[in-house]
Amino acid sequence: MNTKLQVERALLSVSDKTGVIELARALAGAGIELLSTGGTRAALAEAGIEVTEVADYTGFPEIMDGRVKTLHPKVHGGILGRREDDAEVMRAQGIPRIDLVVVNLYPFEAATAREDCTREIAIENIDIGGPAMLRAAAKNHAAVLAVVDPDDYPEVVETLESGGSTLAQRARFAAKAFAHTARYDAGIAAWFASDPVASTEDFPQALTLGLDKKSDLRYGENPHQRAAFYVEANPPRGTLARLIQIQGRALSYNNLADTDAALECVRSFTEPACVIVKHGNPCGVALATDIGAAYERAFATDPTSAFGGIIAFNRTLDAQTLEALLDRQFAEVVVAPRVEAAATEAARARKNLRLLEVGDLAQVAGQMNLKRVGGGVLVQDADTLCFDEATMQTVTKRVPTAQEMSDLLFAWRVAWFVKSNAIVFARDGATVGVGAGQMSRVVSARIAAMKAQDEGIAVSGAVMASDAFFPFRDGIDTAASAGISAVIQPGGSIRDDEVIAAADEHGLAMVFTSIRHFRH
């Protein structure tokens, strides 16, 4: 079982030509017969490498514009044939063995990610022969080495030079091949699930996910938990999956989770904005004419919580802003769409700071949210509707002023990203206090007021946003006693009349959105 595999014949058929010339040259130099198809054969021949066209090998031409070229018994028999059990059949049918299969697949997900991709283009980019050969080679890994990743070509060459592949190596490559074809099929299944011709269901009967490991992580939420970061193929620009780490220590599970929370919040603003996140919740958010001023205002909300936080910007990070940040606090991560060269230079003074850029923060639509539960996964549409002006209404005697309305919408947008029960106090485009993740809404309101008091920030004249309705008037009473002048909330409680009466009693303006934003 530990005998090394000697390669006499190899089949190469790749969509991604990276490194294939060098690999083929090494194989040919080792006296290995090469078989190939279409574009791969042409590339090898142009490089002066002797190669046999699969059509010549099988005696059957490529047909149907290349749809059928490797689906032939002489190909699949050569790959799948058991070297002892099927030897007589292979001799009788004139089927030589194929010991090495190097295949990668039509770029289906890259093709369907293009804006000009039609349904016909998508269908033509579904590879049939490639997955069949890979799966055959992987199944028969006792006698065949299946290679799917160009990054593995140097190892293949080294293996041949050292006398052949071991069963352990072939099994490892087989596992990689099966994972690759499964990942490929998952992308196709996901496309069909969203194809209006194929499906009218909001959620498919079978959910298939295709994710690629971007990196191993130091550990999970806690040191005793293992963790890794997986990403979609062709993820939207400006998302965490697109991150480029300019400097700093390796990213942890918590770093990534909190950075994502900060990015999603800061993405929602069109004005220059800064969002500071701690343990998944915004603790300081502000708008300004530039990100430097936005950072100053966001930090002032809650300097205590900002220590060791994640800081996100929605504009290019300049050196002056970063230097001010570094002078003022310790941060785990700083992330922006772009980072100026001067800012990169300034960051070197804090070599452990994780400095990231993710590209332009485009709005991301059409995604699903997934949450693991025991034995399954909960799936829902992403919460992309912040508010609908058509459903908003003032329900109190007093109507918000223009400034109050501006602050209410800002506070509501921040509350969209705060864990339930969420309460946000805000004034002049900056948070004043945030209460997050409490079992009681009134306690969240008290925490928001306490945060402001602790930092010496006056609440008087600020507004309040609540991610869900107030079940009792006590939340309004608490807000009024803190100095809140206006409130925005979904409404919908059986005690709405009581809550509205309390707001009128305190002279508060109150707006109902008819949209709730629980975030668990």
Protein backbone atom coordinates (compact mmCIF):
# COMPACT_ATOMS: atom_id res chain seq x y z
CA MET A 1 0.00 0.00 0.00
CA ASN A 2 2.93 2.37 0.54
CA THR A 3 4.46 1.74 -2.91
CA LYS A 4 5.13 4.99 -4.73
CA LEU A 5 3.16 5.63 -7.91
CA GLN A 6 5.19 5.82 -11.11
CA VAL A 7 3.62 8.02 -13.80
CA GLU A 8 3.71 6.83 -17.39
CA ARG A 9 0.89 8.88 -18.84
CA ALA A 10 -0.68 12.19 -17.80
CA LEU A 11 -3.80 14.01 -18.95
CA LEU A 12 -3.78 17.80 -18.76
CA SER A 13 -6.94 19.82 -19.40
CA VAL A 14 -7.09 23.18 -17.66
CA SER A 15 -9.11 26.35 -17.93
CA ASP A 16 -6.60 28.27 -15.79
CA LYS A 17 -3.29 27.92 -17.66
CA THR A 18 -1.20 29.25 -14.76
CA GLY A 19 1.97 27.16 -14.46
CA VAL A 20 0.79 24.44 -16.82
CA ILE A 21 3.59 25.01 -19.36
CA GLU A 22 6.26 24.58 -16.71
CA LEU A 23 4.52 21.50 -15.32
CA ALA A 24 4.13 19.91 -18.76
CA ARG A 25 7.76 20.61 -19.60
CA ALA A 26 8.87 18.86 -16.41
CA LEU A 27 6.58 15.90 -17.11
CA ALA A 28 7.79 15.57 -20.69
CA GLY A 29 11.37 15.83 -19.49
CA ALA A 30 10.71 12.85 -17.22
CA GLY A 31 9.60 10.81 -20.25
CA ILE A 32 5.90 10.95 -19.40
CA GLU A 33 3.42 10.79 -22.29
CA LEU A 34 1.12 13.81 -22.32
CA LEU A 35 -2.51 13.87 -23.40
CA SER A 36 -4.44 17.09 -23.67
CA THR A 37 -7.48 18.84 -25.11
CA GLY A 38 -8.41 22.00 -26.96
CA GLY A 39 -6.84 25.16 -25.62
CA THR A 40 -4.49 23.34 -23.27
CA ARG A 41 -3.10 21.20 -26.10
CA ALA A 42 -2.65 24.30 -28.26
CA ALA A 43 -0.78 26.12 -25.48
CA LEU A 44 1.54 23.15 -24.89
CA ALA A 45 2.20 22.65 -28.59
CA GLU A 46 2.97 26.35 -29.03
CA ALA A 47 5.50 26.03 -26.22
CA GLY A 48 7.19 23.22 -28.16
CA ILE A 49 6.05 20.43 -25.85
CA GLU A 50 5.13 17.13 -27.45
CA VAL A 51 1.52 16.34 -26.64
CA THR A 52 -1.14 13.97 -28.00
CA GLU A 53 -4.58 15.39 -28.71
CA VAL A 54 -7.23 13.43 -26.79
CA ALA A 55 -9.25 13.10 -30.00
CA ASP A 56 -6.30 11.34 -31.61
CA TYR A 57 -5.85 9.17 -28.53
CA THR A 58 -9.50 8.05 -28.45
CA GLY A 59 -10.02 8.01 -32.21
CA PHE A 60 -13.14 10.09 -31.69
CA PRO A 61 -13.22 13.82 -32.52
CA GLU A 62 -14.30 16.65 -30.27
CA ILE A 63 -17.92 17.42 -31.12
CA MET A 64 -20.65 19.92 -30.27
CA ASP A 65 -18.24 22.86 -30.00
CA GLY A 66 -16.13 21.00 -27.44
CA ARG A 67 -19.04 19.92 -25.22
CA VAL A 68 -18.00 16.31 -25.77
CA LYS A 69 -14.28 15.56 -25.89
CA THR A 70 -13.12 13.57 -22.85
CA LEU A 71 -16.33 11.61 -22.17
CA HIS A 72 -14.96 8.42 -23.69
CA PRO A 73 -14.25 4.91 -22.30
CA LYS A 74 -10.61 5.14 -23.29
CA VAL A 75 -10.23 8.24 -21.11
CA HIS A 76 -12.37 7.22 -18.16
CA GLY A 77 -11.35 3.58 -18.35
CA GLY A 78 -7.71 4.66 -18.24
CA ILE A 79 -8.41 6.74 -15.16
CA LEU A 80 -10.88 4.50 -13.31
CA GLY A 81 -9.41 1.11 -14.15
CA ARG A 82 -8.17 -0.83 -11.13
CA ARG A 83 -4.64 -1.75 -12.02
CA GLU A 84 -4.98 -5.42 -11.02
CA ASP A 85 -8.70 -6.23 -11.03
CA ASP A 86 -9.37 -4.55 -14.37
CA ALA A 87 -6.06 -5.30 -16.12
CA GLU A 88 -7.54 -7.94 -18.42
CA VAL A 89 -10.44 -5.71 -19.48
CA MET A 90 -8.10 -2.79 -20.13
CA ARG A 91 -5.86 -4.98 -22.31
CA ALA A 92 -8.83 -6.42 -24.21
CA GLN A 93 -10.29 -2.98 -24.90
CA GLY A 94 -6.96 -1.33 -25.66
CA ILE A 95 -7.20 1.10 -22.75
CA PRO A 96 -3.80 2.33 -21.48
CA ARG A 97 -3.67 3.55 -17.91
CA ILE A 98 -3.63 7.27 -17.11
CA ASP A 99 -1.69 7.86 -13.89
CA LEU A 100 -1.87 11.63 -13.50
CA VAL A 101 -4.89 13.88 -14.13
CA VAL A 102 -4.35 17.64 -14.05
CA VAL A 103 -7.66 19.45 -14.43
CA ASN A 104 -9.24 22.72 -13.40
CA LEU A 105 -12.70 23.80 -14.39
CA TYR A 106 -14.53 26.36 -16.48
CA PRO A 107 -14.74 29.59 -14.45
CA PHE A 108 -18.49 29.37 -13.77
CA GLU A 109 -18.65 31.74 -10.80
CA ALA A 110 -16.34 34.29 -12.43
CA ALA A 111 -18.51 34.21 -15.56
CA THR A 112 -21.79 34.61 -13.68
CA ALA A 113 -20.34 37.46 -11.60
CA ARG A 114 -19.89 39.58 -14.73
CA GLU A 115 -22.55 42.21 -15.33
CA ASP A 116 -22.88 41.18 -18.98
CA CYS A 117 -23.39 37.47 -18.20
CA THR A 118 -26.47 36.09 -19.92
CA ARG A 119 -28.23 32.87 -19.01
CA GLU A 120 -26.72 31.23 -22.10
CA ILE A 121 -23.18 32.24 -21.08
CA ALA A 122 -23.78 30.85 -17.60
CA ILE A 123 -24.99 27.51 -18.94
CA GLU A 124 -22.02 27.17 -21.32
CA ASN A 125 -19.65 27.74 -18.39
CA ILE A 126 -20.92 24.64 -16.57
CA ASP A 127 -18.08 22.15 -16.90
CA ILE A 128 -19.07 18.51 -17.40
CA GLY A 129 -15.99 16.62 -18.55
CA GLY A 130 -13.62 18.29 -16.10
CA PRO A 131 -15.48 17.33 -12.90
CA ALA A 132 -16.04 13.83 -14.29
CA MET A 133 -12.30 13.31 -14.83
CA LEU A 134 -11.37 14.81 -11.47
CA ARG A 135 -13.88 12.69 -9.59
CA ALA A 136 -12.76 9.57 -11.45
CA ALA A 137 -9.11 10.24 -10.65
CA ALA A 138 -9.91 11.05 -7.02
CA LYS A 139 -12.02 7.91 -6.66
CA ASN A 140 -9.17 5.79 -8.04
CA HIS A 141 -6.50 7.55 -5.99
CA ALA A 142 -5.04 4.15 -5.17
CA ALA A 143 -3.53 4.34 -8.64
CA VAL A 144 -4.01 7.91 -9.90
CA LEU A 145 -2.84 11.34 -8.73
CA ALA A 146 -5.59 13.97 -9.16
CA VAL A 147 -4.32 17.55 -9.32
CA VAL A 148 -6.69 20.51 -9.34
CA ASP A 149 -4.72 23.43 -7.90
CA PRO A 150 -1.91 25.17 -9.86
CA ASP A 151 -0.28 25.94 -6.51
CA ASP A 152 0.35 22.20 -6.18
CA TYR A 153 2.30 21.88 -9.43
CA PRO A 154 5.74 22.37 -7.79
CA GLU A 155 4.92 19.58 -5.32
CA VAL A 156 3.93 17.32 -8.23
CA VAL A 157 7.26 17.94 -9.95
CA GLU A 158 9.15 17.36 -6.71
CA THR A 159 7.18 14.14 -6.20
CA LEU A 160 8.16 12.81 -9.63
CA GLU A 161 11.80 13.68 -9.02
CA SER A 162 11.75 11.85 -5.68
CA GLY A 163 10.44 8.60 -7.15
CA GLY A 164 6.67 8.97 -7.25
CA SER A 165 3.65 9.79 -5.10
CA THR A 166 2.67 7.98 -1.92
CA LEU A 167 -0.85 6.81 -1.11
CA ALA A 168 -1.07 9.46 1.62
CA GLN A 169 -0.28 12.21 -0.87
CA ARG A 170 -2.74 10.84 -3.44
CA ALA A 171 -5.45 10.63 -0.76
CA ARG A 172 -4.76 14.22 0.25
CA PHE A 173 -4.98 15.40 -3.35
CA ALA A 174 -8.14 13.31 -3.86
CA ALA A 175 -9.79 15.01 -0.90
CA LYS A 176 -8.86 18.37 -2.38
CA ALA A 177 -10.30 17.37 -5.76
CA PHE A 178 -13.61 16.26 -4.26
CA ALA A 179 -13.81 19.46 -2.20
CA HIS A 180 -13.15 21.44 -5.36
CA THR A 181 -15.86 19.74 -7.41
CA ALA A 182 -18.30 20.01 -4.49
CA ARG A 183 -17.50 23.70 -4.21
CA TYR A 184 -17.98 24.07 -7.96
CA ASP A 185 -21.35 22.31 -7.92
CA ALA A 186 -22.43 24.42 -4.95
CA GLY A 187 -21.84 27.57 -7.02
CA ILE A 188 -23.91 26.18 -9.87
CA ALA A 189 -26.70 25.10 -7.52
CA ALA A 190 -26.74 28.56 -5.92
CA TRP A 191 -27.00 30.16 -9.34
CA PHE A 192 -29.92 27.93 -10.31
CA ALA A 193 -31.62 28.72 -6.99
CA SER A 194 -31.62 32.39 -7.99
CA ASP A 195 -32.47 31.76 -11.65
CA PRO A 196 -36.08 32.85 -12.29
CA VAL A 197 -36.42 30.25 -15.05
CA ALA A 198 -35.43 27.41 -12.73
CA SER A 199 -36.99 28.40 -9.43
CA THR A 200 -39.70 30.66 -8.02
CA GLU A 201 -38.94 29.79 -4.39
CA ASP A 202 -37.55 32.41 -2.02
CA PHE A 203 -35.44 29.72 -0.37
CA PRO A 204 -34.30 26.55 -2.18
CA GLN A 205 -35.33 23.13 -0.90
CA ALA A 206 -31.65 22.22 -0.56
CA LEU A 207 -29.21 24.92 0.50
CA THR A 208 -25.71 24.53 -0.91
CA LEU A 209 -22.84 26.74 0.16
CA GLY A 210 -19.56 27.14 -1.63
CA LEU A 211 -16.90 28.79 0.51
CA ASP A 212 -13.12 28.89 0.19
CA LYS A 213 -10.78 29.11 3.15
CA LYS A 214 -9.07 32.47 3.17
CA SER A 215 -7.03 31.85 6.29
CA ASP A 216 -6.67 29.88 9.50
CA LEU A 217 -7.16 32.01 12.59
CA ARG A 218 -5.17 31.96 15.80
CA TYR A 219 -8.25 30.72 17.66
CA GLY A 220 -11.99 31.28 17.91
CA GLU A 221 -13.91 33.49 20.31
CA ASN A 222 -11.84 31.91 23.06
CA PRO A 223 -8.34 30.36 23.01
CA HIS A 224 -9.62 26.79 23.38
CA GLN A 225 -11.70 27.10 20.17
CA ARG A 226 -10.22 26.50 16.70
CA ALA A 227 -11.25 28.84 13.89
CA ALA A 228 -10.82 29.71 10.21
CA PHE A 229 -12.14 32.36 7.82
CA TYR A 230 -14.03 31.21 4.72
CA VAL A 231 -15.18 33.48 1.91
CA GLU A 232 -17.52 33.35 -1.05
CA ALA A 233 -16.24 33.26 -4.60
CA ASN A 234 -16.20 36.79 -6.07
CA PRO A 235 -17.40 38.49 -2.87
CA PRO A 236 -18.84 42.01 -3.20
CA ARG A 237 -16.29 44.80 -3.19
CA GLY A 238 -15.85 46.70 0.01
CA THR A 239 -16.66 43.67 2.18
CA LEU A 240 -14.58 41.88 4.77
CA ALA A 241 -13.82 39.06 2.34
CA ARG A 242 -11.92 41.58 0.19
CA LEU A 243 -9.66 42.78 3.00
CA ILE A 244 -6.01 43.50 2.40
CA GLN A 245 -3.97 43.57 5.60
CA ILE A 246 -1.35 46.26 5.28
CA GLN A 247 0.31 45.55 8.60
CA GLY A 248 -0.19 44.22 12.10
CA ARG A 249 -0.64 41.00 13.99
CA ALA A 250 -2.68 38.12 12.58
CA LEU A 251 -6.41 38.71 12.66
CA SER A 252 -8.46 36.79 15.19
CA TYR A 253 -12.03 35.51 15.02
CA ASN A 254 -13.25 38.37 17.21
CA ASN A 255 -11.27 40.93 15.20
CA LEU A 256 -13.01 39.82 12.02
CA ALA A 257 -16.49 39.67 13.55
CA ASP A 258 -16.16 43.15 15.05
CA THR A 259 -14.56 44.60 11.92
CA ASP A 260 -17.50 43.32 9.89
CA ALA A 261 -19.94 44.99 12.30
CA ALA A 262 -18.03 48.29 11.99
CA LEU A 263 -17.84 48.09 8.20
CA GLU A 264 -21.53 47.36 7.77
CA CYS A 265 -22.46 50.31 9.98
CA VAL A 266 -20.08 52.83 8.41
CA ARG A 267 -21.13 51.69 4.92
CA SER A 268 -24.66 52.91 5.59
CA PHE A 269 -23.64 56.58 5.69
CA THR A 270 -23.03 58.76 2.63
CA GLU A 271 -21.37 61.56 4.61
CA PRO A 272 -17.80 61.17 5.95
CA ALA A 273 -18.27 58.89 8.95
CA CYS A 274 -16.41 57.04 11.67
CA VAL A 275 -17.74 54.02 13.56
CA ILE A 276 -16.05 52.58 16.64
CA VAL A 277 -17.16 49.05 17.58
CA LYS A 278 -16.52 47.08 20.75
CA HIS A 279 -17.74 43.52 21.17
CA GLY A 280 -20.01 43.70 18.16
CA ASN A 281 -21.73 46.96 19.08
CA PRO A 282 -21.12 50.53 17.92
CA CYS A 283 -19.99 52.51 20.95
CA GLY A 284 -19.27 55.73 19.05
CA VAL A 285 -20.58 56.89 15.67
CA ALA A 286 -20.31 60.33 14.12
CA LEU A 287 -20.55 62.28 10.89
CA ALA A 288 -18.51 65.33 9.93
CA THR A 289 -17.09 67.19 6.95
CA ASP A 290 -14.04 64.89 7.02
CA ILE A 291 -13.14 61.60 8.68
CA GLY A 292 -10.67 63.20 11.06
CA ALA A 293 -13.40 65.31 12.62
CA ALA A 294 -15.78 62.34 12.50
CA TYR A 295 -13.28 60.27 14.48
CA GLU A 296 -12.88 63.02 17.11
CA ARG A 297 -16.65 63.13 17.61
CA ALA A 298 -17.10 59.35 17.63
CA PHE A 299 -14.30 58.89 20.16
CA ALA A 300 -15.75 61.56 22.45
CA THR A 301 -18.99 59.57 22.82
CA ASP A 302 -17.37 56.79 24.84
CA PRO A 303 -13.56 56.94 25.16
CA THR A 304 -13.61 54.16 27.76
CA SER A 305 -15.26 51.63 25.44
CA ALA A 306 -13.25 52.84 22.44
CA PHE A 307 -10.05 51.51 24.04
CA GLY A 308 -9.10 48.32 22.18
CA GLY A 309 -11.94 48.80 19.72
CA ILE A 310 -12.35 48.47 15.97
CA ILE A 311 -12.37 51.77 14.07
CA ALA A 312 -13.92 52.00 10.61
CA PHE A 313 -14.03 54.87 8.13
CA ASN A 314 -15.99 55.25 4.89
CA ARG A 315 -13.40 57.45 3.20
CA THR A 316 -9.70 57.04 2.37
CA LEU A 317 -7.64 57.07 5.56
CA ASP A 318 -5.12 59.91 5.67
CA ALA A 319 -1.99 60.16 7.81
CA GLN A 320 -3.25 63.07 9.92
CA THR A 321 -6.35 61.15 11.00
CA LEU A 322 -4.39 58.00 11.78
CA GLU A 323 -1.74 59.89 13.74
CA ALA A 324 -4.43 61.59 15.84
CA LEU A 325 -5.99 58.21 16.49
CA LEU A 326 -2.70 56.61 17.49
CA ASP A 327 -1.86 59.49 19.80
CA ARG A 328 -5.18 59.14 21.57
CA GLN A 329 -5.91 55.45 21.97
CA PHE A 330 -5.07 51.79 21.51
CA ALA A 331 -7.04 50.17 18.69
CA GLU A 332 -7.13 46.54 17.62
CA VAL A 333 -8.08 47.23 14.00
CA VAL A 334 -8.38 50.29 11.77
CA VAL A 335 -10.18 49.70 8.48
CA ALA A 336 -10.99 51.97 5.55
CA PRO A 337 -11.78 51.67 1.84
CA ARG A 338 -8.27 52.89 1.03
CA VAL A 339 -5.19 53.85 3.05
CA GLU A 340 -2.87 56.60 1.88
CA ALA A 341 0.82 55.75 1.64
CA ALA A 342 1.60 58.36 4.28
CA ALA A 343 -0.89 56.74 6.64
CA THR A 344 0.76 53.37 6.05
CA GLU A 345 4.07 54.94 7.01
CA ALA A 346 2.56 56.50 10.13
CA ALA A 347 1.12 53.13 11.20
CA ARG A 348 4.61 51.65 11.48
CA ALA A 349 4.99 53.43 14.79
CA ARG A 350 2.42 50.95 16.13
CA LYS A 351 3.59 47.74 14.47
CA ASN A 352 0.95 45.54 16.12
CA LEU A 353 -1.93 47.67 14.83
CA ARG A 354 -3.95 45.75 12.27
CA LEU A 355 -4.40 48.17 9.38
CA LEU A 356 -6.83 47.02 6.69
CA GLU A 357 -8.29 48.28 3.45
CA VAL A 358 -11.26 46.69 1.71
CA GLY A 359 -11.97 48.77 -1.39
CA ASP A 360 -14.88 51.07 -2.14
CA LEU A 361 -17.84 50.53 0.18
CA ALA A 362 -20.58 49.77 -2.32
CA GLN A 363 -24.02 48.84 -1.02
CA VAL A 364 -24.40 45.06 -0.80
CA ALA A 365 -27.75 43.58 -1.76
CA GLY A 366 -29.30 40.17 -2.25
CA GLN A 367 -27.43 38.33 0.48
CA MET A 368 -28.80 35.84 2.96
CA ASN A 369 -27.97 35.72 6.65
CA LEU A 370 -27.18 32.36 8.18
CA LYS A 371 -27.05 31.39 11.83
CA ARG A 372 -25.97 27.99 13.08
CA VAL A 373 -28.34 26.25 15.51
CA GLY A 374 -28.26 22.71 16.87
CA GLY A 375 -28.48 20.35 13.91
CA GLY A 376 -29.23 23.03 11.35
CA VAL A 377 -29.02 26.57 10.06
CA LEU A 378 -31.47 29.45 10.25
CA VAL A 379 -31.60 31.43 7.01
CA GLN A 380 -33.14 34.83 6.38
CA ASP A 381 -32.93 37.77 4.03
CA ALA A 382 -30.39 40.36 5.08
CA ASP A 383 -31.94 43.31 6.90
CA THR A 384 -31.33 45.91 4.19
CA LEU A 385 -34.37 48.17 4.69
CA CYS A 386 -33.38 50.81 7.21
CA PHE A 387 -36.64 52.76 6.95
CA ASP A 388 -39.40 53.56 4.49
CA GLU A 389 -40.44 57.20 4.41
CA ALA A 390 -43.90 56.14 3.23
CA THR A 391 -44.56 54.29 6.49
CA MET A 392 -43.08 56.89 8.86
CA GLN A 393 -45.49 59.04 10.83
CA THR A 394 -45.39 61.48 13.70
CA VAL A 395 -47.76 60.19 16.37
CA THR A 396 -47.41 62.89 19.04
CA LYS A 397 -48.91 66.36 19.32
CA ARG A 398 -45.50 67.91 18.84
CA VAL A 399 -43.83 67.44 15.44
CA PRO A 400 -40.03 67.05 15.36
CA THR A 401 -38.06 70.07 14.24
CA ALA A 402 -35.93 69.74 11.12
CA GLN A 403 -32.82 69.28 13.27
CA GLU A 404 -34.54 66.71 15.46
CA MET A 405 -35.71 64.80 12.40
CA SER A 406 -32.18 64.73 11.01
CA ASP A 407 -30.88 63.43 14.34
CA LEU A 408 -33.69 60.89 14.62
CA LEU A 409 -32.81 59.39 11.25
CA PHE A 410 -29.12 59.30 12.21
CA ALA A 411 -29.90 57.62 15.54
CA TRP A 412 -32.22 55.15 13.80
CA ARG A 413 -29.48 54.22 11.33
CA VAL A 414 -27.06 53.56 14.20
CA ALA A 415 -29.65 51.52 16.13
CA TRP A 416 -29.95 49.35 13.03
CA PHE A 417 -26.51 47.94 13.92
CA VAL A 418 -26.79 47.76 17.72
CA LYS A 419 -27.66 44.48 19.42
CA SER A 420 -31.18 44.24 20.87
CA ASN A 421 -32.50 45.68 23.02
CA ALA A 422 -30.96 48.71 21.33
CA ILE A 423 -31.22 52.31 22.49
CA VAL A 424 -29.24 55.14 20.86
CA PHE A 425 -29.04 58.74 22.05
CA ALA A 426 -27.76 61.17 19.40
CA ARG A 427 -27.38 64.86 18.63
CA ASP A 428 -25.95 66.80 15.69
CA GLY A 429 -24.92 63.69 13.74
CA ALA A 430 -23.08 61.95 16.58
CA THR A 431 -23.98 59.42 19.22
CA VAL A 432 -24.38 60.67 22.78
CA GLY A 433 -24.89 57.31 24.47
CA VAL A 434 -25.60 53.72 23.42
CA GLY A 435 -27.38 51.01 25.39
CA ALA A 436 -27.03 47.56 23.84
CA GLY A 437 -27.89 43.92 24.32
CA GLN A 438 -30.00 44.19 27.47
CA MET A 439 -32.93 41.99 28.43
CA SER A 440 -35.00 45.11 29.22
CA ARG A 441 -35.44 48.07 26.92
CA VAL A 442 -35.74 50.50 29.82
CA VAL A 443 -32.39 49.25 31.16
CA SER A 444 -30.81 49.94 27.76
CA ALA A 445 -32.17 53.48 27.98
CA ARG A 446 -30.68 53.89 31.45
CA ILE A 447 -27.33 52.59 30.20
CA ALA A 448 -27.31 55.08 27.31
CA ALA A 449 -27.96 57.89 29.79
CA MET A 450 -25.29 56.55 32.15
CA LYS A 451 -22.73 56.37 29.33
CA ALA A 452 -23.35 60.01 28.48
CA GLN A 453 -23.14 61.05 32.12
CA ASP A 454 -19.91 59.13 32.66
CA GLU A 455 -18.26 60.98 29.77
CA GLY A 456 -19.68 64.36 30.79
CA ILE A 457 -21.88 64.65 27.71
CA ALA A 458 -25.11 66.59 28.17
CA VAL A 459 -28.16 64.63 27.01
CA SER A 460 -30.51 67.60 27.01
CA GLY A 461 -31.80 68.18 23.49
CA ALA A 462 -30.61 64.82 22.18
CA VAL A 463 -32.95 62.36 20.47
CA MET A 464 -33.48 58.66 21.08
CA ALA A 465 -33.88 55.67 18.75
CA SER A 466 -35.20 52.28 19.83
CA ASP A 467 -34.85 49.24 17.55
CA ALA A 468 -38.28 47.90 18.62
CA PHE A 469 -41.42 49.23 20.24
CA PHE A 470 -41.68 50.25 23.88
CA PRO A 471 -43.93 47.76 25.69
CA PHE A 472 -44.52 50.21 28.55
CA ARG A 473 -44.25 53.94 29.10
CA ASP A 474 -41.27 53.54 31.46
CA GLY A 475 -38.78 53.75 28.56
CA ILE A 476 -40.24 57.12 27.56
CA ASP A 477 -40.23 58.33 31.15
CA THR A 478 -36.56 57.37 31.47
CA ALA A 479 -35.69 59.16 28.23
CA ALA A 480 -37.54 62.31 29.23
CA SER A 481 -35.87 62.40 32.64
CA ALA A 482 -32.49 62.20 30.89
CA GLY A 483 -33.31 65.20 28.68
CA ILE A 484 -34.34 63.50 25.41
CA SER A 485 -36.46 65.75 23.18
CA ALA A 486 -37.64 63.35 20.46
CA VAL A 487 -37.98 59.61 19.92
CA ILE A 488 -38.03 57.30 16.92
CA GLN A 489 -39.29 53.74 17.26
CA PRO A 490 -41.23 51.15 15.22
CA GLY A 491 -44.50 51.32 17.14
CA GLY A 492 -46.84 48.35 17.18
CA SER A 493 -47.21 47.70 20.90
CA ILE A 494 -50.65 47.01 22.37
CA ARG A 495 -49.79 49.91 24.70
CA ASP A 496 -48.88 52.39 21.95
CA ASP A 497 -51.59 54.77 23.16
CA GLU A 498 -50.07 54.73 26.66
CA VAL A 499 -46.57 55.33 25.25
CA ILE A 500 -47.77 58.17 22.99
CA ALA A 501 -49.61 59.75 25.94
CA ALA A 502 -46.39 59.62 27.97
CA ALA A 503 -44.48 61.37 25.17
CA ASP A 504 -47.16 64.05 24.95
CA GLU A 505 -47.08 64.44 28.72
CA HIS A 506 -43.34 65.15 28.58
CA GLY A 507 -43.59 67.36 25.47
CA LEU A 508 -41.59 64.90 23.34
CA ALA A 509 -41.98 64.47 19.61
CA MET A 510 -42.23 60.83 18.53
CA VAL A 511 -42.02 59.15 15.14
CA PHE A 512 -43.13 55.61 14.30
CA THR A 513 -41.25 53.84 11.50
CA SER A 514 -43.38 50.65 11.28
CA ILE A 515 -40.07 48.77 10.76
CA ARG A 516 -38.31 46.81 13.50
CA HIS A 517 -34.56 46.10 13.67
CA PHE A 518 -33.92 43.27 16.12
CA ARG A 519 -30.30 42.14 15.94
CA HIS A 520 -29.51 39.08 18.03
